[in-house]
Amino acid sequence: MILLRMNLLLHNELNPDFSKDGNIESMLSDEQIELINDVLDEYGDKTPYHLECLTHEEKPWKEARGSCTLSQRCTNIISEDTIKEYYTTLIA
């Protein structure tokens, strides 16, 4: 099941070297497979707009945008430290 789901995510547009017949499960631990399936179960049926709205409510995105308004284009990079700090608190 994970092979089919990962193929949809890692299709040729994203990774041209990825074979649709490749066995991605052999490249991942059981824990990684479980995590991927949990994420897909939770968010796999959401629209891109829904996912965008979710992420735009989170601290890393808001912090990187600083004083930019929602209508302004922003090319600021989200800090890896902010990402780590924010998501670590969610799993604690």
C-alpha atoms as a PDB file:
ATOM      1  CA  MET A   1       0.000   0.000   0.000  1.00  0.00           C
ATOM      2  CA  ILE A   2       2.759   2.458   0.834  1.00  0.00           C
ATOM      3  CA  LEU A   3       4.395   1.796  -2.535  1.00  0.00           C
ATOM      4  CA  LEU A   4       1.329   3.006  -4.391  1.00  0.00           C
ATOM      5  CA  ARG A   5       0.895   6.031  -2.128  1.00  0.00           C
ATOM      6  CA  MET A   6       4.562   7.022  -2.396  1.00  0.00           C
ATOM      7  CA  ASN A   7       4.486   6.629  -6.161  1.00  0.00           C
ATOM      8  CA  LEU A   8       1.739   9.210  -6.273  1.00  0.00           C
ATOM      9  CA  LEU A   9       3.896  11.606  -4.249  1.00  0.00           C
ATOM     10  CA  LEU A  10       7.225  10.870  -5.880  1.00  0.00           C
ATOM     11  CA  HIS A  11       6.078  10.603  -9.482  1.00  0.00           C
ATOM     12  CA  ASN A  12       8.380  11.482 -12.329  1.00  0.00           C
ATOM     13  CA  GLU A  13       7.743  15.243 -12.197  1.00  0.00           C
ATOM     14  CA  LEU A  14       9.237  15.432  -8.712  1.00  0.00           C
ATOM     15  CA  ASN A  15      11.907  12.785  -9.091  1.00  0.00           C
ATOM     16  CA  PRO A  16      12.606  11.653 -12.668  1.00  0.00           C
ATOM     17  CA  ASP A  17      14.988   8.923 -11.441  1.00  0.00           C
ATOM     18  CA  PHE A  18      12.287   7.247  -9.360  1.00  0.00           C
ATOM     19  CA  SER A  19      10.954   4.115 -10.986  1.00  0.00           C
ATOM     20  CA  LYS A  20       7.223   3.544 -10.696  1.00  0.00           C
ATOM     21  CA  ASP A  21       8.079  -0.111 -10.164  1.00  0.00           C
ATOM     22  CA  GLY A  22      10.716   0.702  -7.529  1.00  0.00           C
ATOM     23  CA  ASN A  23      10.432  -0.821  -4.103  1.00  0.00           C
ATOM     24  CA  ILE A  24      10.559   2.191  -1.828  1.00  0.00           C
ATOM     25  CA  GLU A  25       9.700   0.078   1.199  1.00  0.00           C
ATOM     26  CA  SER A  26      13.134  -1.514   1.049  1.00  0.00           C
ATOM     27  CA  MET A  27      14.667   1.955   1.427  1.00  0.00           C
ATOM     28  CA  LEU A  28      12.685   2.841   4.573  1.00  0.00           C
ATOM     29  CA  SER A  29      12.508   1.546   8.125  1.00  0.00           C
ATOM     30  CA  ASP A  30       9.224   0.260   9.551  1.00  0.00           C
ATOM     31  CA  GLU A  31       9.082   3.399  11.698  1.00  0.00           C
ATOM     32  CA  GLN A  32       9.478   5.641   8.635  1.00  0.00           C
ATOM     33  CA  ILE A  33       6.772   3.744   6.771  1.00  0.00           C
ATOM     34  CA  GLU A  34       4.427   4.074   9.745  1.00  0.00           C
ATOM     35  CA  LEU A  35       5.109   7.820   9.979  1.00  0.00           C
ATOM     36  CA  ILE A  36       4.490   8.345   6.265  1.00  0.00           C
ATOM     37  CA  ASN A  37       1.238   6.388   6.464  1.00  0.00           C
ATOM     38  CA  ASP A  38       0.124   8.372   9.524  1.00  0.00           C
ATOM     39  CA  VAL A  39       0.771  11.656   7.710  1.00  0.00           C
ATOM     40  CA  LEU A  40      -1.011  10.455   4.581  1.00  0.00           C
ATOM     41  CA  ASP A  41      -3.962   9.202   6.640  1.00  0.00           C
ATOM     42  CA  GLU A  42      -4.264  12.591   8.317  1.00  0.00           C
ATOM     43  CA  TYR A  43      -3.573  14.926   5.397  1.00  0.00           C
ATOM     44  CA  GLY A  44      -3.698  12.850   2.205  1.00  0.00           C
ATOM     45  CA  ASP A  45      -7.282  13.771   1.365  1.00  0.00           C
ATOM     46  CA  LYS A  46      -6.826  17.499   1.974  1.00  0.00           C
ATOM     47  CA  THR A  47      -6.728  19.968  -0.890  1.00  0.00           C
ATOM     48  CA  PRO A  48      -3.605  22.020  -1.561  1.00  0.00           C
ATOM     49  CA  TYR A  49      -5.514  25.115  -0.421  1.00  0.00           C
ATOM     50  CA  HIS A  50      -6.479  23.465   2.875  1.00  0.00           C
ATOM     51  CA  LEU A  51      -2.851  22.480   3.519  1.00  0.00           C
ATOM     52  CA  GLU A  52      -1.718  26.006   2.645  1.00  0.00           C
ATOM     53  CA  CYS A  53      -4.184  27.468   5.139  1.00  0.00           C
ATOM     54  CA  LEU A  54      -2.968  25.094   7.855  1.00  0.00           C
ATOM     55  CA  THR A  55       0.693  25.941   7.358  1.00  0.00           C
ATOM     56  CA  HIS A  56       0.030  29.665   7.165  1.00  0.00           C
ATOM     57  CA  GLU A  57      -1.376  29.551  10.686  1.00  0.00           C
ATOM     58  CA  GLU A  58       1.840  28.099  12.102  1.00  0.00           C
ATOM     59  CA  LYS A  59       4.650  30.017  13.802  1.00  0.00           C
ATOM     60  CA  PRO A  60       7.452  29.161  11.323  1.00  0.00           C
ATOM     61  CA  TRP A  61       5.540  30.617   8.376  1.00  0.00           C
ATOM     62  CA  LYS A  62       4.325  33.666  10.285  1.00  0.00           C
ATOM     63  CA  GLU A  63       7.779  34.360  11.728  1.00  0.00           C
ATOM     64  CA  ALA A  64       9.467  34.141   8.328  1.00  0.00           C
ATOM     65  CA  ARG A  65       6.986  36.564   6.800  1.00  0.00           C
ATOM     66  CA  GLY A  66       7.705  39.134   9.481  1.00  0.00           C
ATOM     67  CA  SER A  67       5.862  42.356   8.691  1.00  0.00           C
ATOM     68  CA  CYS A  68       4.770  41.286   5.187  1.00  0.00           C
ATOM     69  CA  THR A  69       1.048  41.450   4.639  1.00  0.00           C
ATOM     70  CA  LEU A  70      -0.855  38.431   3.343  1.00  0.00           C
ATOM     71  CA  SER A  71      -1.094  40.006  -0.104  1.00  0.00           C
ATOM     72  CA  GLN A  72       2.630  40.738  -0.345  1.00  0.00           C
ATOM     73  CA  ARG A  73       5.036  38.319  -1.977  1.00  0.00           C
ATOM     74  CA  CYS A  74       7.640  37.090   0.478  1.00  0.00           C
ATOM     75  CA  THR A  75      10.816  35.158  -0.310  1.00  0.00           C
ATOM     76  CA  ASN A  76      12.115  34.917   3.249  1.00  0.00           C
ATOM     77  CA  ILE A  77      13.431  31.504   4.195  1.00  0.00           C
ATOM     78  CA  ILE A  78      11.877  29.741   7.160  1.00  0.00           C
ATOM     79  CA  SER A  79      14.544  29.140   9.797  1.00  0.00           C
ATOM     80  CA  GLU A  80      15.428  25.489  10.405  1.00  0.00           C
ATOM     81  CA  ASP A  81      15.738  26.304  14.107  1.00  0.00           C
ATOM     82  CA  THR A  82      12.207  27.688  14.146  1.00  0.00           C
ATOM     83  CA  ILE A  83      10.906  24.612  12.342  1.00  0.00           C
ATOM     84  CA  LYS A  84      12.652  22.270  14.767  1.00  0.00           C
ATOM     85  CA  GLU A  85      11.502  24.217  17.819  1.00  0.00           C
ATOM     86  CA  TYR A  86       7.898  24.488  16.654  1.00  0.00           C
ATOM     87  CA  TYR A  87       7.378  20.891  15.555  1.00  0.00           C
ATOM     88  CA  THR A  88       9.235  19.481  18.543  1.00  0.00           C
ATOM     89  CA  THR A  89       6.699  21.139  20.820  1.00  0.00           C
ATOM     90  CA  LEU A  90       3.864  19.509  18.878  1.00  0.00           C
ATOM     91  CA  ILE A  91       5.131  15.980  19.475  1.00  0.00           C
ATOM     92  CA  ALA A  92       6.129  16.474  23.102  1.00  0.00           C
END
